[in-house]
Protein backbone atom coordinates (compact mmCIF):
# COMPACT_ATOMS: atom_id res chain seq x y z
CA GLY A 1 0.00 0.00 0.00
CA LYS A 2 2.79 2.43 0.94
CA LEU A 3 4.59 1.72 -2.34
CA ASN A 4 1.45 2.40 -4.31
CA ASP A 5 0.82 5.61 -2.38
CA ARG A 6 4.38 6.73 -3.00
CA ALA A 7 4.12 5.91 -6.72
CA ILE A 8 0.88 7.84 -6.96
CA GLU A 9 2.44 10.77 -5.10
CA GLU A 10 5.47 10.79 -7.38
CA SER A 11 3.24 10.54 -10.44
CA GLU A 12 1.21 13.50 -9.23
CA LYS A 13 4.40 15.49 -8.65
CA ARG A 14 5.64 14.74 -12.16
CA TYR A 15 2.26 15.70 -13.58
CA GLN A 16 2.27 18.92 -11.58
CA GLN A 17 5.78 19.78 -12.79
CA LEU A 18 4.80 19.10 -16.40
CA PHE A 19 1.61 21.10 -15.91
CA GLU A 20 3.35 24.10 -14.36
CA HIS A 21 6.33 24.27 -16.67
CA ALA A 22 4.67 23.58 -19.99
CA ASN A 23 5.40 26.10 -22.72
CA ASP A 24 1.72 26.33 -23.61
CA MET A 25 -1.14 27.62 -21.49
CA LEU A 26 -2.91 24.79 -19.66
CA LEU A 27 -6.33 25.09 -18.04
CA ILE A 28 -8.54 22.64 -16.21
CA VAL A 29 -12.18 23.72 -16.34
CA SER A 30 -15.22 22.22 -14.66
CA LEU A 31 -17.58 20.88 -17.31
CA GLU A 32 -20.56 21.50 -15.07
CA THR A 33 -19.90 25.04 -13.81
CA GLY A 34 -17.32 26.35 -16.27
CA LEU A 35 -15.13 27.47 -13.34
CA ILE A 36 -11.38 27.37 -13.87
CA ILE A 37 -10.06 24.72 -11.47
CA ASP A 38 -6.38 25.11 -12.27
CA ALA A 39 -4.10 27.11 -14.58
CA ASN A 40 -0.38 26.78 -15.11
CA GLN A 41 2.29 29.49 -14.89
CA GLN A 42 2.30 30.13 -18.64
CA THR A 43 -1.42 30.93 -18.49
CA GLN A 44 -0.85 33.36 -15.63
CA LYS A 45 2.06 34.98 -17.44
CA GLN A 46 0.37 35.43 -20.82
CA LEU A 47 -3.03 36.52 -19.50
CA GLY A 48 -1.71 38.70 -16.67
CA PHE A 49 -3.81 37.07 -13.90
CA THR A 50 -2.58 35.46 -10.69
CA HIS A 51 -3.47 31.85 -9.99
CA GLU A 52 -5.92 32.97 -7.33
CA GLU A 53 -7.61 35.41 -9.72
CA LEU A 54 -7.95 32.75 -12.41
CA THR A 55 -9.56 30.21 -10.11
CA LYS A 56 -12.31 32.71 -9.34
CA LEU A 57 -13.18 33.08 -13.03
CA THR A 58 -15.11 30.94 -15.45
CA ILE A 59 -13.72 29.97 -18.83
CA ALA A 60 -16.25 32.37 -20.40
CA ASP A 61 -14.54 35.25 -18.57
CA ILE A 62 -11.31 34.75 -20.52
CA GLU A 63 -12.75 33.64 -23.86
CA GLU A 64 -13.89 36.10 -26.49
CA PRO A 65 -17.40 35.11 -27.55
CA MET A 66 -17.49 32.97 -30.67
CA GLN A 67 -20.04 33.15 -33.43
CA ASP A 68 -23.08 31.03 -32.72
CA THR A 69 -22.36 28.64 -35.57
CA LYS A 70 -18.78 28.03 -34.46
CA SER A 71 -19.86 27.63 -30.82
CA ARG A 72 -22.41 24.95 -31.79
CA ILE A 73 -19.81 23.07 -33.83
CA VAL A 74 -17.35 23.07 -30.90
CA THR A 75 -20.01 21.85 -28.46
CA ARG A 76 -21.25 19.07 -30.76
CA THR A 77 -17.75 17.88 -31.61
CA LEU A 78 -16.74 17.71 -27.93
CA ALA A 79 -19.89 15.79 -27.06
CA SER A 80 -19.41 13.28 -29.89
CA THR A 81 -15.62 12.79 -29.96
CA GLY A 82 -14.45 14.13 -26.61
CA HIS A 83 -11.75 16.22 -28.33
CA ILE A 84 -11.46 19.26 -30.58
CA ILE A 85 -8.82 21.67 -31.90
CA PHE A 86 -9.92 25.15 -32.88
CA GLU A 87 -8.80 28.77 -32.89
CA GLN A 88 -10.18 31.46 -30.62
CA ASN A 89 -9.17 34.60 -28.73
CA TYR A 90 -8.34 34.77 -25.02
CA ILE A 91 -9.02 37.96 -23.07
CA LYS A 92 -6.16 39.26 -20.95
CA LYS A 93 -6.52 41.08 -17.67
CA ASP A 94 -5.95 44.42 -19.43
CA ARG A 95 -8.88 43.49 -21.75
CA SER A 96 -6.68 43.10 -24.79
CA THR A 97 -6.91 39.81 -26.67
CA ILE A 98 -4.46 37.22 -27.96
CA PRO A 99 -5.19 34.61 -30.64
CA VAL A 100 -4.74 31.02 -29.49
CA GLU A 101 -5.02 27.55 -30.93
CA THR A 102 -6.83 25.46 -28.36
CA SER A 103 -6.74 21.70 -28.06
CA THR A 104 -9.51 20.69 -25.65
CA ARG A 105 -10.52 17.22 -24.46
CA LEU A 106 -12.97 15.75 -21.96
CA MET A 107 -11.44 13.89 -19.00
CA GLU A 108 -12.03 12.97 -15.39
CA TYR A 109 -10.16 14.90 -12.73
CA ASN A 110 -10.56 14.18 -9.00
CA GLY A 111 -13.80 12.39 -9.75
CA GLU A 112 -15.23 15.26 -11.80
CA GLN A 113 -15.76 15.71 -15.54
CA VAL A 114 -13.50 18.50 -16.70
CA LEU A 115 -12.14 20.08 -19.84
CA LEU A 116 -8.36 20.03 -20.24
CA SER A 117 -7.33 22.80 -22.62
CA PHE A 118 -3.90 23.31 -24.17
CA ALA A 119 -3.81 26.82 -25.58
CA ARG A 120 -0.91 27.97 -27.76
CA ASN A 121 -0.36 31.65 -28.44
CA ILE A 122 -0.41 31.97 -32.24
CA LYS A 123 0.04 35.72 -32.41
CA GLN A 124 3.38 35.39 -34.20
CA ARG A 125 1.94 32.81 -36.57
CA LYS A 126 -0.98 35.10 -37.31
CA ARG A 127 1.36 37.99 -37.97
CA ALA A 128 3.44 35.83 -40.29
CA MET A 129 0.32 34.67 -42.13
CA GLN A 130 -0.96 38.22 -42.37
CA ALA A 131 2.42 39.45 -43.63
CA GLU A 132 2.46 36.66 -46.21
CA ALA A 133 -1.08 37.51 -47.30
CA GLU A 134 -0.18 41.21 -47.55
CA GLU A 135 2.92 40.37 -49.57
CA ARG A 136 0.87 38.23 -51.95
CA TYR A 137 -1.68 41.02 -52.26
CA PHE A 138 1.04 43.61 -52.91
CA THR A 139 2.69 41.37 -55.51
CA GLU A 140 -0.62 40.81 -57.28
CA ILE A 141 -1.51 44.52 -57.26
CA LEU A 142 1.98 45.36 -58.54
CA ARG A 143 1.69 42.75 -61.29
CA GLU A 144 -1.69 44.13 -62.37
CA THR A 145 -0.34 47.69 -62.28
CA ILE A 146 2.70 46.79 -64.38
CA SER A 147 0.42 45.08 -66.90
CA GLN A 148 -1.87 48.11 -66.99
CA ILE A 149 0.81 50.78 -67.37
CA ALA A 150 2.60 48.68 -69.99
CA HIS A 151 -0.26 49.66 -72.30
CA THR A 152 -0.40 53.25 -71.06
CA GLN A 153 0.93 55.69 -73.62
CA THR A 154 1.02 59.05 -71.85
CA VAL A 155 2.60 60.33 -68.64
CA ASP A 156 -0.76 61.68 -67.46
CA ALA A 157 -2.33 58.25 -67.83
CA VAL A 158 0.59 56.67 -65.92
CA LEU A 159 0.08 59.17 -63.07
CA ASP A 160 -3.63 58.31 -62.90
CA VAL A 161 -2.80 54.61 -62.57
CA MET A 162 -0.19 55.43 -59.92
CA MET A 163 -2.71 57.24 -57.73
CA ASP A 164 -5.25 54.43 -58.01
CA THR A 165 -2.62 51.87 -57.04
CA LEU A 166 -1.27 53.90 -54.11
CA LEU A 167 -4.72 53.81 -52.52
CA LYS A 168 -4.58 50.00 -52.65
CA ILE A 169 -1.05 49.18 -51.50
CA VAL A 170 -0.52 51.58 -48.58
CA ASP A 171 -3.18 52.86 -46.19
CA SER A 172 -2.80 56.63 -45.80
CA ASP A 173 -4.90 59.74 -45.22
CA SER A 174 -3.37 61.69 -48.09
CA SER A 175 -0.85 61.18 -50.86
CA CYS A 176 0.74 63.17 -53.64
CA ILE A 177 3.11 62.69 -56.55
CA MET A 178 5.67 65.35 -57.36
CA PHE A 179 7.80 65.95 -60.44
CA LEU A 180 11.09 67.78 -60.15
CA GLN A 181 11.72 70.94 -62.15
CA GLY A 182 15.04 72.52 -61.30
CA ASP A 183 15.24 72.73 -57.50
CA THR A 184 11.47 72.67 -56.97
CA ALA A 185 9.15 69.69 -56.58
CA HIS A 186 5.78 70.38 -58.21
CA VAL A 187 2.62 68.48 -57.28
CA VAL A 188 1.21 66.68 -60.34
CA ARG A 189 -1.30 64.37 -58.62
CA GLN A 190 -2.85 64.34 -55.14
CA HIS A 191 -5.47 62.52 -53.08
CA GLY A 192 -6.99 63.28 -49.69
CA TYR A 193 -6.70 67.06 -49.82
CA TYR A 194 -10.39 67.83 -49.95
CA ASP A 195 -10.17 71.39 -48.61
CA PRO A 196 -9.60 73.72 -51.60
CA ASP A 197 -7.82 76.14 -49.26
CA ASN A 198 -5.48 73.44 -47.96
CA GLN A 199 -3.87 71.87 -51.00
CA PRO A 200 -0.34 70.38 -51.12
CA ALA A 201 2.22 73.03 -52.02
CA ASP A 202 5.20 72.95 -54.36
CA LEU A 203 8.37 72.58 -52.29
CA LYS A 204 12.00 73.62 -52.56
CA ILE A 205 14.28 70.62 -52.09
CA GLU A 206 16.87 72.50 -50.07
CA SER A 207 14.29 73.58 -47.48
CA THR A 208 12.52 70.22 -47.11
CA PHE A 209 14.47 67.51 -45.28
CA THR A 210 12.47 64.55 -46.56
CA LEU A 211 12.83 65.59 -50.21
CA GLN A 212 16.48 66.50 -49.71
CA HIS A 213 17.20 63.09 -48.16
CA MET A 214 15.49 61.23 -51.01
CA TYR A 215 17.20 63.39 -53.63
CA ASN A 216 20.70 62.99 -52.17
CA HIS A 217 20.50 59.28 -51.24
CA GLN A 218 18.03 58.09 -53.90
CA GLN A 219 16.14 56.04 -51.29
CA GLY A 220 12.92 56.37 -49.35
CA ILE A 221 12.42 57.70 -45.83
CA VAL A 222 10.02 57.06 -42.93
CA ILE A 223 9.09 59.56 -40.22
CA SER A 224 7.23 57.39 -37.70
CA ASP A 225 6.18 60.24 -35.42
CA THR A 226 6.54 63.75 -36.76
CA ALA A 227 5.85 65.27 -33.34
CA ASN A 228 8.97 63.64 -31.92
CA ASP A 229 11.33 63.80 -34.89
CA SER A 230 13.42 66.95 -35.30
CA ARG A 231 14.00 66.19 -38.99
CA TRP A 232 10.36 66.83 -39.82
CA VAL A 233 9.67 70.23 -41.38
CA GLU A 234 6.09 71.26 -40.71
CA PHE A 235 4.09 73.11 -43.33
CA SER A 236 0.73 74.75 -42.87
CA ASP A 237 -0.98 72.32 -45.24
CA LYS A 238 0.43 69.34 -43.30
CA ALA A 239 0.10 70.45 -39.69
CA TRP A 240 -2.11 67.43 -39.01
CA THR A 241 0.46 64.89 -40.26
CA ARG A 242 1.78 62.55 -37.56
CA SER A 243 3.60 60.00 -39.71
CA TYR A 244 5.09 60.10 -43.19
CA VAL A 245 6.66 57.80 -45.76
CA GLY A 246 8.16 58.78 -49.10
CA ALA A 247 10.11 57.31 -52.01
CA PRO A 248 11.99 58.94 -54.89
CA ILE A 249 11.16 58.27 -58.53
CA THR A 250 14.48 57.76 -60.31
CA LEU A 251 15.21 57.49 -64.00
CA LYS A 252 18.68 56.57 -65.24
CA ASN A 253 20.16 57.27 -61.78
CA GLU A 254 18.54 60.70 -61.68
CA VAL A 255 15.73 61.68 -59.32
CA ILE A 256 12.82 63.01 -61.36
CA GLY A 257 10.11 63.05 -58.70
CA PHE A 258 8.75 61.86 -55.34
CA ILE A 259 5.85 59.88 -53.89
CA ASN A 260 4.63 61.19 -50.51
CA LEU A 261 2.15 59.58 -48.11
CA ASP A 262 0.83 61.11 -44.88
CA SER A 263 -1.18 59.81 -41.93
CA SER A 264 -2.82 61.57 -39.02
CA ALA A 265 -1.89 58.60 -36.78
CA PRO A 266 1.64 58.20 -35.38
CA ASN A 267 3.59 55.03 -36.25
CA GLN A 268 1.32 54.32 -39.20
CA PHE A 269 4.26 53.65 -41.51
CA SER A 270 7.29 51.37 -41.16
CA ASN A 271 10.29 50.32 -43.23
CA LYS A 272 8.06 47.66 -44.78
CA HIS A 273 5.91 50.42 -46.28
CA ARG A 274 9.01 52.34 -47.38
CA GLN A 275 10.38 49.25 -49.17
CA ARG A 276 7.07 48.54 -50.89
CA LEU A 277 6.73 52.15 -51.93
CA GLN A 278 10.24 52.10 -53.40
CA VAL A 279 9.54 48.92 -55.38
CA PHE A 280 6.41 50.58 -56.71
CA ALA A 281 8.25 53.83 -57.53
CA ASP A 282 10.96 51.90 -59.43
CA GLN A 283 8.35 50.19 -61.59
CA VAL A 284 6.58 53.49 -62.18
CA SER A 285 9.80 55.17 -63.32
CA ILE A 286 10.09 52.60 -66.12
CA ALA A 287 6.51 53.31 -67.18
CA ILE A 288 7.16 57.07 -67.11
CA GLU A 289 10.24 56.66 -69.30
CA ASN A 290 8.28 54.55 -71.79
CA ALA A 291 5.43 57.07 -71.79
CA ARG A 292 7.85 59.95 -72.33
CA LEU A 293 9.50 58.08 -75.22
CA TYR A 294 6.08 57.41 -76.71
CA GLU A 295 5.05 61.05 -76.33
CA ALA A 296 8.36 62.21 -77.82
CA ASN A 297 7.86 59.85 -80.76
CA GLU A 298 4.30 61.10 -81.17
CA ARG A 299 5.54 64.71 -81.15
CA TYR A 300 8.20 63.82 -83.72
CA MET A 301 5.64 62.06 -85.91
CA ASP A 302 3.28 65.03 -85.59
CA LEU A 303 6.13 67.40 -86.48
CA LEU A 304 7.16 65.18 -89.40
CA GLU A 305 3.56 65.00 -90.59
CA SER A 306 3.24 68.77 -90.25
CA ARG A 307 6.42 69.35 -92.21
CA VAL A 308 5.37 66.88 -94.90
CA SER A 309 2.01 68.64 -95.07
CA GLU A 310 3.69 72.05 -95.31
CA ARG A 311 6.10 70.80 -98.00
CA THR A 312 3.26 69.18 -99.90
CA THR A 313 1.36 72.47 -99.79
CA GLU A 314 4.46 74.35 -100.98
CA LEU A 315 4.99 71.89 -103.84
CA THR A 316 1.30 72.03 -104.78
CA GLU A 317 1.42 75.82 -104.86
CA ALA A 318 4.69 75.77 -106.85
CA ASN A 319 3.22 73.26 -109.29
CA LEU A 320 0.11 75.39 -109.68
CA GLN A 321 2.24 78.48 -110.35
CA LEU A 322 4.37 76.54 -112.87
CA THR A 323 1.26 75.25 -114.60
CA GLN A 324 -0.13 78.76 -114.77
CA GLN A 325 3.19 80.05 -116.17
CA ILE A 326 3.26 77.29 -118.81
CA GLU A 327 -0.32 78.00 -119.81
CA LYS A 328 0.45 81.72 -119.99
CA ARG A 329 3.57 81.06 -122.07
CA GLN A 330 1.66 78.72 -124.38
CA LEU A 331 -1.01 81.37 -124.81
CA THR A 332 1.65 84.01 -125.54
CA GLU A 333 3.43 81.73 -128.03
CA GLY A 334 0.13 81.04 -129.76
CA GLU A 335 -0.57 84.74 -130.03
CA LEU A 336 2.94 85.38 -131.41
CA ALA A 337 2.58 82.56 -133.94
CA GLU A 338 -0.71 84.01 -135.10
CA GLU A 339 0.86 87.47 -135.42
CA ARG A 340 3.76 86.00 -137.41
CA ASN A 341 1.36 84.30 -139.77
CA ILE A 342 -0.54 87.52 -140.29
CA LEU A 343 2.69 89.44 -140.85
CA ARG A 344 3.95 86.79 -143.27
CA THR A 345 0.74 86.93 -145.22
CA ILE A 346 0.98 90.69 -145.45
CA ILE A 347 4.64 90.60 -146.58
CA ASP A 348 3.97 87.90 -149.16
CA SER A 349 1.12 89.96 -150.52
CA LEU A 350 3.30 92.97 -151.20
CA PRO A 351 3.90 93.70 -154.97
CA VAL A 352 7.58 94.25 -154.36
CA THR A 353 10.44 92.08 -153.37
CA VAL A 354 11.20 92.19 -149.68
CA TYR A 355 14.29 90.56 -148.29
CA VAL A 356 16.57 90.62 -145.24
CA LYS A 357 20.36 90.19 -145.28
CA ASN A 358 22.64 89.57 -142.35
CA ARG A 359 25.98 91.29 -141.77
CA GLN A 360 27.76 88.76 -143.91
CA GLY A 361 25.61 89.70 -146.87
CA GLN A 362 23.54 86.54 -146.80
CA TYR A 363 19.85 86.63 -147.48
CA THR A 364 17.94 85.39 -144.43
CA LEU A 365 14.37 86.25 -145.38
CA SER A 366 12.39 87.17 -148.45
CA ASN A 367 8.78 87.35 -149.46
CA ARG A 368 7.20 85.34 -152.21
CA PHE A 369 7.25 88.01 -154.89
CA PRO A 370 7.44 86.25 -158.31
CA TYR A 371 11.17 86.88 -159.08
CA PRO A 372 12.87 83.79 -157.63
CA SER A 373 15.75 83.99 -160.07
CA LEU A 374 17.02 86.94 -158.13
CA PHE A 375 18.02 84.70 -155.25
CA ARG A 376 19.11 81.59 -157.24
CA GLY A 377 22.33 80.23 -155.85
CA ARG A 378 22.23 82.60 -152.89
CA SER A 379 21.69 81.83 -149.29
CA TYR A 380 18.38 82.94 -148.01
CA ARG A 381 15.54 81.75 -145.86
CA GLY A 382 12.12 81.96 -147.33
């Protein structure tokens, strides 16, 4: 009997050690009352309650209510199989929640039917899954955007696509796209500035730290909390801004513009957003270059077409003038020929001999007076 008692005692000690030092939260809950009978150290640590506080609570006090459908499924599965694994949220002492994966089974404990729950904090797993889902979403949006702007033929159209995409990939209260002209960044697109008296202003690079940083280093920048960052330069149109992220638009290693996003909430942006924004800006710069080349080609073709049209007009006018000159000359020649015929008829009708000699004494012209023997053997043109 003593050996059995000792074995039972040692077994209970080992169980208690395993229970207390498990890496997961462990709870023993009365099936009848729902009261928490026991909770290990990990449960106390993660939920912020003492052991005494926990044993005065029911399991419903630390579980976030589930949807009715899910609750019915859990209850039916436990009743039919005695075991279930599901995800839920536990409520901490400070009323915040943590996501857990719970493995619960029915068992007997000290002669009472209880639920033994192993609850694993899956907050990190959830974050990883969310980050993976966000990355897939960003990749898909970027792929769609690249496909869309590949068929976009003007810079204005590219900018419109950019603004639409920005609203999808980064959550912000306002955003604007700037193009660089000399030492000034001019706003070419904006969103979120609904007050006509409070629109984003053109900015000098040398007087704006964020733009200066992006211009000099050709990389994005994050201001997590503008109220506590001395680098932030406040402007009247952005007095409400509490966090900022920006990325330069570069083309052939030259900064040609900037993308700026603002939020009224501090710590809204992180390096993850900066990196995504830079990837997006790099893709956009390629589209802008292609659009500019297309527009330049269109301008050249328009100029070439205009010049061809002008030259064609000039040649048409010249041809018309030449045709008119030829017609005028032909008319003049016809008139002269007619006058010559009339003159010849008159000369030939004269009753005297009429002739013309050149300086060498040769006859070059004569009328048809009936004395041809006069010119026999002599050079003349009749």
